[in-house]
Amino acid sequence: MAMDAAEIERLIKAGFPDAQVVIQDLRGDGDHYAAHVVSAAFKGKSRVQQHQLVYQALRGNMGNALHALALQTAAPED
Protein backbone atom coordinates (compact mmCIF):
# COMPACT_ATOMS: atom_id res chain seq x y z
CA MET A 1 0.00 0.00 0.00
CA ALA A 2 1.43 3.36 -1.06
CA MET A 3 1.78 6.41 1.18
CA ASP A 4 0.31 9.76 0.26
CA ALA A 5 2.25 13.02 0.35
CA ALA A 6 0.32 14.33 3.36
CA GLU A 7 1.31 11.30 5.45
CA ILE A 8 4.98 11.68 4.50
CA GLU A 9 4.86 15.35 5.46
CA ARG A 10 3.05 14.56 8.73
CA LEU A 11 5.69 12.01 9.77
CA ILE A 12 8.59 14.31 8.91
CA LYS A 13 7.01 17.24 10.78
CA ALA A 14 6.36 14.98 13.78
CA GLY A 15 10.09 14.24 13.85
CA PHE A 16 11.13 17.82 13.09
CA PRO A 17 8.48 20.29 14.31
CA ASP A 18 10.43 23.27 12.95
CA ALA A 19 10.84 21.73 9.49
CA GLN A 20 9.88 23.32 6.23
CA VAL A 21 8.76 20.37 4.10
CA VAL A 22 7.89 20.26 0.40
CA ILE A 23 6.74 16.93 -1.02
CA GLN A 24 6.33 16.25 -4.74
CA ASP A 25 4.79 13.11 -6.26
CA LEU A 26 7.22 12.45 -9.12
CA ARG A 27 5.13 10.01 -11.16
CA GLY A 28 1.61 10.55 -9.89
CA ASP A 29 1.56 6.96 -8.65
CA GLY A 30 1.82 7.64 -4.91
CA ASP A 31 4.98 5.55 -4.87
CA HIS A 32 7.81 7.84 -6.04
CA TYR A 33 8.30 11.13 -4.20
CA ALA A 34 10.79 13.93 -3.84
CA ALA A 35 11.10 15.72 -0.50
CA HIS A 36 12.92 18.92 0.39
CA VAL A 37 13.32 19.25 4.16
CA VAL A 38 14.89 22.20 5.98
CA SER A 39 15.37 21.91 9.74
CA ALA A 40 17.67 23.31 12.41
CA ALA A 41 18.16 19.69 13.55
CA PHE A 42 20.43 19.23 10.52
CA LYS A 43 22.91 21.92 11.53
CA GLY A 44 26.43 20.52 11.80
CA LYS A 45 25.41 17.13 10.40
CA SER A 46 26.64 15.54 7.19
CA ARG A 47 24.20 14.99 4.32
CA VAL A 48 24.17 11.25 5.11
CA GLN A 49 23.34 11.94 8.77
CA GLN A 50 20.57 14.33 7.73
CA HIS A 51 19.03 11.72 5.45
CA GLN A 52 19.28 9.06 8.17
CA LEU A 53 17.35 11.35 10.53
CA VAL A 54 14.58 11.77 7.95
CA TYR A 55 14.41 8.00 7.38
CA GLN A 56 14.07 7.53 11.15
CA ALA A 57 11.21 10.05 11.19
CA LEU A 58 9.47 7.97 8.50
CA ARG A 59 9.20 5.14 11.06
CA GLY A 60 10.19 2.19 8.92
CA ASN A 61 7.99 3.14 5.95
CA MET A 62 10.96 3.74 3.64
CA GLY A 63 11.32 0.69 1.42
CA ASN A 64 7.92 -0.61 2.50
CA ALA A 65 4.88 1.65 2.05
CA LEU A 66 7.18 4.29 0.58
CA HIS A 67 9.05 2.82 -2.38
CA ALA A 68 11.25 5.74 -3.52
CA LEU A 69 12.11 9.10 -2.00
CA ALA A 70 14.51 11.56 -3.64
CA LEU A 71 15.63 13.50 -0.59
CA GLN A 72 17.16 16.97 -0.31
CA THR A 73 17.94 18.22 3.18
CA ALA A 74 19.47 21.40 4.60
CA ALA A 75 19.82 23.43 7.75
CA PRO A 76 18.24 26.88 7.59
CA GLU A 77 20.52 29.70 6.58
CA ASP A 78 21.22 32.21 9.32
PDB file of N, CA and C in Angstrom:
ATOM      1  N   MET A   1       0.842  -1.182   0.000  1.00  0.00           N
ATOM      2  CA  MET A   1       0.000   0.000   0.000  1.00  0.00           C
ATOM      3  C   MET A   1       0.888   1.246   0.000  1.00  0.00           C
ATOM      4  N   ALA A   2       0.624   2.151  -0.899  1.00  0.00           N
ATOM      5  CA  ALA A   2       1.432   3.358  -1.060  1.00  0.00           C
ATOM      6  C   ALA A   2       1.072   4.403   0.006  1.00  0.00           C
ATOM      7  N   MET A   3       2.007   5.291   0.255  1.00  0.00           N
ATOM      8  CA  MET A   3       1.776   6.409   1.177  1.00  0.00           C
ATOM      9  C   MET A   3       1.401   7.639   0.368  1.00  0.00           C
ATOM     10  N   ASP A   4       0.590   8.505   0.950  1.00  0.00           N
ATOM     11  CA  ASP A   4       0.313   9.760   0.258  1.00  0.00           C
ATOM     12  C   ASP A   4       1.229  10.856   0.789  1.00  0.00           C
ATOM     13  N   ALA A   5       1.330  11.928   0.028  1.00  0.00           N
ATOM     14  CA  ALA A   5       2.249  13.022   0.349  1.00  0.00           C
ATOM     15  C   ALA A   5       1.951  13.630   1.712  1.00  0.00           C
ATOM     16  N   ALA A   6       0.685  13.735   2.071  1.00  0.00           N
ATOM     17  CA  ALA A   6       0.316  14.332   3.362  1.00  0.00           C
ATOM     18  C   ALA A   6       0.836  13.500   4.526  1.00  0.00           C
ATOM     19  N   GLU A   7       0.812  12.177   4.392  1.00  0.00           N
ATOM     20  CA  GLU A   7       1.310  11.303   5.455  1.00  0.00           C
ATOM     21  C   GLU A   7       2.826  11.416   5.580  1.00  0.00           C
ATOM     22  N   ILE A   8       3.524  11.505   4.463  1.00  0.00           N
ATOM     23  CA  ILE A   8       4.978  11.681   4.501  1.00  0.00           C
ATOM     24  C   ILE A   8       5.310  12.986   5.211  1.00  0.00           C
ATOM     25  N   GLU A   9       4.629  14.049   4.836  1.00  0.00           N
ATOM     26  CA  GLU A   9       4.861  15.350   5.464  1.00  0.00           C
ATOM     27  C   GLU A   9       4.541  15.303   6.956  1.00  0.00           C
ATOM     28  N   ARG A  10       3.448  14.652   7.328  1.00  0.00           N
ATOM     29  CA  ARG A  10       3.054  14.561   8.735  1.00  0.00           C
ATOM     30  C   ARG A  10       4.133  13.856   9.564  1.00  0.00           C
ATOM     31  N   LEU A  11       4.653  12.749   9.053  1.00  0.00           N
ATOM     32  CA  LEU A  11       5.689  12.006   9.774  1.00  0.00           C
ATOM     33  C   LEU A  11       6.969  12.824   9.914  1.00  0.00           C
ATOM     34  N   ILE A  12       7.366  13.493   8.843  1.00  0.00           N
ATOM     35  CA  ILE A  12       8.586  14.306   8.907  1.00  0.00           C
ATOM     36  C   ILE A  12       8.402  15.457   9.891  1.00  0.00           C
ATOM     37  N   LYS A  13       7.254  16.118   9.849  1.00  0.00           N
ATOM     38  CA  LYS A  13       7.015  17.236  10.777  1.00  0.00           C
ATOM     39  C   LYS A  13       6.875  16.760  12.218  1.00  0.00           C
ATOM     40  N   ALA A  14       6.408  15.540  12.422  1.00  0.00           N
ATOM     41  CA  ALA A  14       6.357  14.983  13.776  1.00  0.00           C
ATOM     42  C   ALA A  14       7.777  14.794  14.321  1.00  0.00           C
ATOM     43  N   GLY A  15       8.696  14.424  13.445  1.00  0.00           N
ATOM     44  CA  GLY A  15      10.094  14.242  13.849  1.00  0.00           C
ATOM     45  C   GLY A  15      10.870  15.539  13.945  1.00  0.00           C
ATOM     46  N   PHE A  16      10.455  16.529  13.158  1.00  0.00           N
ATOM     47  CA  PHE A  16      11.135  17.822  13.094  1.00  0.00           C
ATOM     48  C   PHE A  16      10.079  18.925  13.091  1.00  0.00           C
ATOM     49  N   PRO A  17       9.574  19.307  14.259  1.00  0.00           N
ATOM     50  CA  PRO A  17       8.478  20.285  14.313  1.00  0.00           C
ATOM     51  C   PRO A  17       8.788  21.622  13.639  1.00  0.00           C
ATOM     52  N   ASP A  18      10.063  21.987  13.563  1.00  0.00           N
ATOM     53  CA  ASP A  18      10.430  23.270  12.949  1.00  0.00           C
ATOM     54  C   ASP A  18      10.601  23.164  11.435  1.00  0.00           C
ATOM     55  N   ALA A  19      10.478  21.973  10.887  1.00  0.00           N
ATOM     56  CA  ALA A  19      10.841  21.730   9.492  1.00  0.00           C
ATOM     57  C   ALA A  19       9.935  22.439   8.493  1.00  0.00           C
ATOM     58  N   GLN A  20      10.586  22.887   7.436  1.00  0.00           N
ATOM     59  CA  GLN A  20       9.883  23.316   6.227  1.00  0.00           C
ATOM     60  C   GLN A  20       9.960  22.112   5.294  1.00  0.00           C
ATOM     61  N   VAL A  21       8.813  21.606   4.881  1.00  0.00           N
ATOM     62  CA  VAL A  21       8.763  20.371   4.096  1.00  0.00           C
ATOM     63  C   VAL A  21       7.982  20.612   2.807  1.00  0.00           C
ATOM     64  N   VAL A  22       8.576  20.219   1.697  1.00  0.00           N
ATOM     65  CA  VAL A  22       7.890  20.258   0.405  1.00  0.00           C
ATOM     66  C   VAL A  22       7.971  18.856  -0.174  1.00  0.00           C
ATOM     67  N   ILE A  23       6.815  18.275  -0.459  1.00  0.00           N
ATOM     68  CA  ILE A  23       6.741  16.927  -1.021  1.00  0.00           C
ATOM     69  C   ILE A  23       6.181  17.021  -2.438  1.00  0.00           C
ATOM     70  N   GLN A  24       6.793  16.288  -3.347  1.00  0.00           N
ATOM     71  CA  GLN A  24       6.335  16.249  -4.739  1.00  0.00           C
ATOM     72  C   GLN A  24       6.182  14.785  -5.160  1.00  0.00           C
ATOM     73  N   ASP A  25       5.017  14.441  -5.709  1.00  0.00           N
ATOM     74  CA  ASP A  25       4.785  13.111  -6.265  1.00  0.00           C
ATOM     75  C   ASP A  25       5.380  13.111  -7.670  1.00  0.00           C
ATOM     76  N   LEU A  26       6.457  12.378  -7.873  1.00  0.00           N
ATOM     77  CA  LEU A  26       7.216  12.450  -9.120  1.00  0.00           C
ATOM     78  C   LEU A  26       6.519  11.792 -10.308  1.00  0.00           C
ATOM     79  N   ARG A  27       5.748  10.747 -10.053  1.00  0.00           N
ATOM     80  CA  ARG A  27       5.132  10.012 -11.157  1.00  0.00           C
ATOM     81  C   ARG A  27       3.610  10.006 -11.095  1.00  0.00           C
ATOM     82  N   GLY A  28       3.054  10.567 -10.040  1.00  0.00           N
ATOM     83  CA  GLY A  28       1.608  10.551  -9.894  1.00  0.00           C
ATOM     84  C   GLY A  28       1.072   9.194  -9.475  1.00  0.00           C
ATOM     85  N   ASP A  29       1.974   8.315  -9.014  1.00  0.00           N
ATOM     86  CA  ASP A  29       1.562   6.959  -8.652  1.00  0.00           C
ATOM     87  C   ASP A  29       1.514   6.737  -7.141  1.00  0.00           C
ATOM     88  N   GLY A  30       1.821   7.784  -6.359  1.00  0.00           N
ATOM     89  CA  GLY A  30       1.825   7.638  -4.906  1.00  0.00           C
ATOM     90  C   GLY A  30       2.926   6.728  -4.410  1.00  0.00           C
ATOM     91  N   ASP A  31       3.926   6.492  -5.231  1.00  0.00           N
ATOM     92  CA  ASP A  31       4.985   5.550  -4.874  1.00  0.00           C
ATOM     93  C   ASP A  31       6.387   6.131  -5.029  1.00  0.00           C
ATOM     94  N   HIS A  32       6.510   7.223  -5.777  1.00  0.00           N
ATOM     95  CA  HIS A  32       7.810   7.843  -6.042  1.00  0.00           C
ATOM     96  C   HIS A  32       7.703   9.337  -5.725  1.00  0.00           C
ATOM     97  N   TYR A  33       8.389   9.754  -4.670  1.00  0.00           N
ATOM     98  CA  TYR A  33       8.297  11.129  -4.198  1.00  0.00           C
ATOM     99  C   TYR A  33       9.659  11.795  -4.156  1.00  0.00           C
ATOM    100  N   ALA A  34       9.627  13.117  -4.149  1.00  0.00           N
ATOM    101  CA  ALA A  34      10.794  13.932  -3.836  1.00  0.00           C
ATOM    102  C   ALA A  34      10.408  14.760  -2.608  1.00  0.00           C
ATOM    103  N   ALA A  35      11.345  14.913  -1.694  1.00  0.00           N
ATOM    104  CA  ALA A  35      11.100  15.719  -0.498  1.00  0.00           C
ATOM    105  C   ALA A  35      12.257  16.674  -0.298  1.00  0.00           C
ATOM    106  N   HIS A  36      11.917  17.924   0.018  1.00  0.00           N
ATOM    107  CA  HIS A  36      12.918  18.919   0.389  1.00  0.00           C
ATOM    108  C   HIS A  36      12.595  19.297   1.828  1.00  0.00           C
ATOM    109  N   VAL A  37      13.542  19.040   2.733  1.00  0.00           N
ATOM    110  CA  VAL A  37      13.323  19.248   4.165  1.00  0.00           C
ATOM    111  C   VAL A  37      14.407  20.174   4.702  1.00  0.00           C
ATOM    112  N   VAL A  38      13.976  21.259   5.343  1.00  0.00           N
ATOM    113  CA  VAL A  38      14.894  22.202   5.977  1.00  0.00           C
ATOM    114  C   VAL A  38      14.566  22.216   7.465  1.00  0.00           C
ATOM    115  N   SER A  39      15.576  21.929   8.298  1.00  0.00           N
ATOM    116  CA  SER A  39      15.369  21.906   9.742  1.00  0.00           C
ATOM    117  C   SER A  39      16.657  22.275  10.465  1.00  0.00           C
ATOM    118  N   ALA A  40      16.518  22.963  11.584  1.00  0.00           N
ATOM    119  CA  ALA A  40      17.669  23.307  12.415  1.00  0.00           C
ATOM    120  C   ALA A  40      18.336  22.049  12.976  1.00  0.00           C
ATOM    121  N   ALA A  41      17.605  20.945  13.045  1.00  0.00           N
ATOM    122  CA  ALA A  41      18.164  19.689  13.553  1.00  0.00           C
ATOM    123  C   ALA A  41      19.303  19.180  12.667  1.00  0.00           C
ATOM    124  N   PHE A  42      19.401  19.679  11.442  1.00  0.00           N
ATOM    125  CA  PHE A  42      20.425  19.229  10.517  1.00  0.00           C
ATOM    126  C   PHE A  42      21.732  20.006  10.641  1.00  0.00           C
ATOM    127  N   LYS A  43      21.725  21.073  11.404  1.00  0.00           N
ATOM    128  CA  LYS A  43      22.914  21.922  11.529  1.00  0.00           C
ATOM    129  C   LYS A  43      24.090  21.109  12.071  1.00  0.00           C
ATOM    130  N   GLY A  44      25.213  21.196  11.378  1.00  0.00           N
ATOM    131  CA  GLY A  44      26.433  20.517  11.799  1.00  0.00           C
ATOM    132  C   GLY A  44      26.474  19.035  11.454  1.00  0.00           C
ATOM    133  N   LYS A  45      25.455  18.538  10.766  1.00  0.00           N
ATOM    134  CA  LYS A  45      25.408  17.126  10.404  1.00  0.00           C
ATOM    135  C   LYS A  45      25.742  16.962   8.921  1.00  0.00           C
ATOM    136  N   SER A  46      26.346  15.831   8.590  1.00  0.00           N
ATOM    137  CA  SER A  46      26.643  15.538   7.186  1.00  0.00           C
ATOM    138  C   SER A  46      25.331  15.252   6.453  1.00  0.00           C
ATOM    139  N   ARG A  47      25.389  15.282   5.140  1.00  0.00           N
ATOM    140  CA  ARG A  47      24.197  14.989   4.323  1.00  0.00           C
ATOM    141  C   ARG A  47      23.674  13.587   4.632  1.00  0.00           C
ATOM    142  N   VAL A  48      24.573  12.628   4.792  1.00  0.00           N
ATOM    143  CA  VAL A  48      24.172  11.252   5.112  1.00  0.00           C
ATOM    144  C   VAL A  48      23.449  11.214   6.461  1.00  0.00           C
ATOM    145  N   GLN A  49      23.986  11.899   7.458  1.00  0.00           N
ATOM    146  CA  GLN A  49      23.339  11.935   8.773  1.00  0.00           C
ATOM    147  C   GLN A  49      21.965  12.599   8.693  1.00  0.00           C
ATOM    148  N   GLN A  50      21.853  13.658   7.904  1.00  0.00           N
ATOM    149  CA  GLN A  50      20.568  14.332   7.731  1.00  0.00           C
ATOM    150  C   GLN A  50      19.539  13.378   7.128  1.00  0.00           C
ATOM    151  N   HIS A  51      19.942  12.657   6.108  1.00  0.00           N
ATOM    152  CA  HIS A  51      19.032  11.716   5.451  1.00  0.00           C
ATOM    153  C   HIS A  51      18.642  10.591   6.401  1.00  0.00           C
ATOM    154  N   GLN A  52      19.587  10.108   7.195  1.00  0.00           N
ATOM    155  CA  GLN A  52      19.282   9.064   8.169  1.00  0.00           C
ATOM    156  C   GLN A  52      18.241   9.544   9.176  1.00  0.00           C
ATOM    157  N   LEU A  53      18.336  10.797   9.596  1.00  0.00           N
ATOM    158  CA  LEU A  53      17.354  11.350  10.525  1.00  0.00           C
ATOM    159  C   LEU A  53      15.959  11.387   9.900  1.00  0.00           C
ATOM    160  N   VAL A  54      15.887  11.748   8.631  1.00  0.00           N
ATOM    161  CA  VAL A  54      14.581  11.769   7.947  1.00  0.00           C
ATOM    162  C   VAL A  54      14.031  10.350   7.838  1.00  0.00           C
ATOM    163  N   TYR A  55      14.878   9.388   7.481  1.00  0.00           N
ATOM    164  CA  TYR A  55      14.415   8.001   7.382  1.00  0.00           C
ATOM    165  C   TYR A  55      13.892   7.511   8.737  1.00  0.00           C
ATOM    166  N   GLN A  56      14.550   7.902   9.820  1.00  0.00           N
ATOM    167  CA  GLN A  56      14.071   7.532  11.153  1.00  0.00           C
ATOM    168  C   GLN A  56      12.695   8.135  11.410  1.00  0.00           C
ATOM    169  N   ALA A  57      12.499   9.378  10.994  1.00  0.00           N
ATOM    170  CA  ALA A  57      11.206  10.046  11.186  1.00  0.00           C
ATOM    171  C   ALA A  57      10.100   9.347  10.402  1.00  0.00           C
ATOM    172  N   LEU A  58      10.467   8.677   9.316  1.00  0.00           N
ATOM    173  CA  LEU A  58       9.471   7.975   8.499  1.00  0.00           C
ATOM    174  C   LEU A  58       9.048   6.637   9.108  1.00  0.00           C
ATOM    175  N   ARG A  59       9.623   6.290  10.236  1.00  0.00           N
ATOM    176  CA  ARG A  59       9.205   5.143  11.062  1.00  0.00           C
ATOM    177  C   ARG A  59       9.103   3.821  10.306  1.00  0.00           C
ATOM    178  N   GLY A  60      10.149   3.483   9.587  1.00  0.00           N
ATOM    179  CA  GLY A  60      10.193   2.188   8.923  1.00  0.00           C
ATOM    180  C   GLY A  60       9.391   2.091   7.635  1.00  0.00           C
ATOM    181  N   ASN A  61       8.782   3.177   7.190  1.00  0.00           N
ATOM    182  CA  ASN A  61       7.992   3.136   5.955  1.00  0.00           C
ATOM    183  C   ASN A  61       8.848   3.172   4.694  1.00  0.00           C
ATOM    184  N   MET A  62      10.089   3.679   4.813  1.00  0.00           N
ATOM    185  CA  MET A  62      10.963   3.741   3.641  1.00  0.00           C
ATOM    186  C   MET A  62      11.303   2.319   3.211  1.00  0.00           C
ATOM    187  N   GLY A  63      11.060   2.026   1.936  1.00  0.00           N
ATOM    188  CA  GLY A  63      11.319   0.685   1.421  1.00  0.00           C
ATOM    189  C   GLY A  63      10.131  -0.243   1.581  1.00  0.00           C
ATOM    190  N   ASN A  64       9.136   0.177   2.320  1.00  0.00           N
ATOM    191  CA  ASN A  64       7.921  -0.611   2.498  1.00  0.00           C
ATOM    192  C   ASN A  64       6.765   0.125   1.828  1.00  0.00           C
ATOM    193  N   ALA A  65       6.000   0.873   2.605  1.00  0.00           N
ATOM    194  CA  ALA A  65       4.879   1.647   2.051  1.00  0.00           C
ATOM    195  C   ALA A  65       5.379   2.752   1.122  1.00  0.00           C
ATOM    196  N   LEU A  66       6.578   3.232   1.394  1.00  0.00           N
ATOM    197  CA  LEU A  66       7.183   4.285   0.582  1.00  0.00           C
ATOM    198  C   LEU A  66       8.318   3.670  -0.225  1.00  0.00           C
ATOM    199  N   HIS A  67       8.100   3.538  -1.521  1.00  0.00           N
ATOM    200  CA  HIS A  67       9.051   2.824  -2.378  1.00  0.00           C
ATOM    201  C   HIS A  67      10.295   3.659  -2.687  1.00  0.00           C
ATOM    202  N   ALA A  68      10.101   4.926  -3.096  1.00  0.00           N
ATOM    203  CA  ALA A  68      11.249   5.736  -3.519  1.00  0.00           C
ATOM    204  C   ALA A  68      11.066   7.182  -3.050  1.00  0.00           C
ATOM    205  N   LEU A  69      12.133   7.718  -2.478  1.00  0.00           N
ATOM    206  CA  LEU A  69      12.107   9.101  -1.997  1.00  0.00           C
ATOM    207  C   LEU A  69      13.417   9.778  -2.372  1.00  0.00           C
ATOM    208  N   ALA A  70      13.353  10.733  -3.286  1.00  0.00           N
ATOM    209  CA  ALA A  70      14.510  11.555  -3.638  1.00  0.00           C
ATOM    210  C   ALA A  70      14.559  12.662  -2.583  1.00  0.00           C
ATOM    211  N   LEU A  71      15.588  12.666  -1.778  1.00  0.00           N
ATOM    212  CA  LEU A  71      15.632  13.505  -0.587  1.00  0.00           C
ATOM    213  C   LEU A  71      16.676  14.601  -0.709  1.00  0.00           C
ATOM    214  N   GLN A  72      16.241  15.831  -0.422  1.00  0.00           N
ATOM    215  CA  GLN A  72      17.156  16.973  -0.306  1.00  0.00           C
ATOM    216  C   GLN A  72      16.940  17.536   1.090  1.00  0.00           C
ATOM    217  N   THR A  73      18.028  17.703   1.828  1.00  0.00           N
ATOM    218  CA  THR A  73      17.938  18.221   3.185  1.00  0.00           C
ATOM    219  C   THR A  73      18.915  19.385   3.351  1.00  0.00           C
ATOM    220  N   ALA A  74      18.595  20.260   4.305  1.00  0.00           N
ATOM    221  CA  ALA A  74      19.472  21.397   4.597  1.00  0.00           C
ATOM    222  C   ALA A  74      19.110  21.971   5.945  1.00  0.00           C
ATOM    223  N   ALA A  75      20.077  22.630   6.557  1.00  0.00           N
ATOM    224  CA  ALA A  75      19.817  23.434   7.750  1.00  0.00           C
ATOM    225  C   ALA A  75      19.431  24.821   7.268  1.00  0.00           C
ATOM    226  N   PRO A  76      18.603  25.535   8.025  1.00  0.00           N
ATOM    227  CA  PRO A  76      18.237  26.883   7.593  1.00  0.00           C
ATOM    228  C   PRO A  76      19.453  27.792   7.569  1.00  0.00           C
ATOM    229  N   GLU A  77      19.424  28.718   6.643  1.00  0.00           N
ATOM    230  CA  GLU A  77      20.516  29.698   6.581  1.00  0.00           C
ATOM    231  C   GLU A  77      20.274  30.757   7.625  1.00  0.00           C
ATOM    232  N   ASP A  78      21.349  31.173   8.271  1.00  0.00           N
ATOM    233  CA  ASP A  78      21.223  32.207   9.317  1.00  0.00           C
ATOM    234  C   ASP A  78      21.116  33.580   8.726  1.00  0.00           C
TER     235      ASP A  78
END
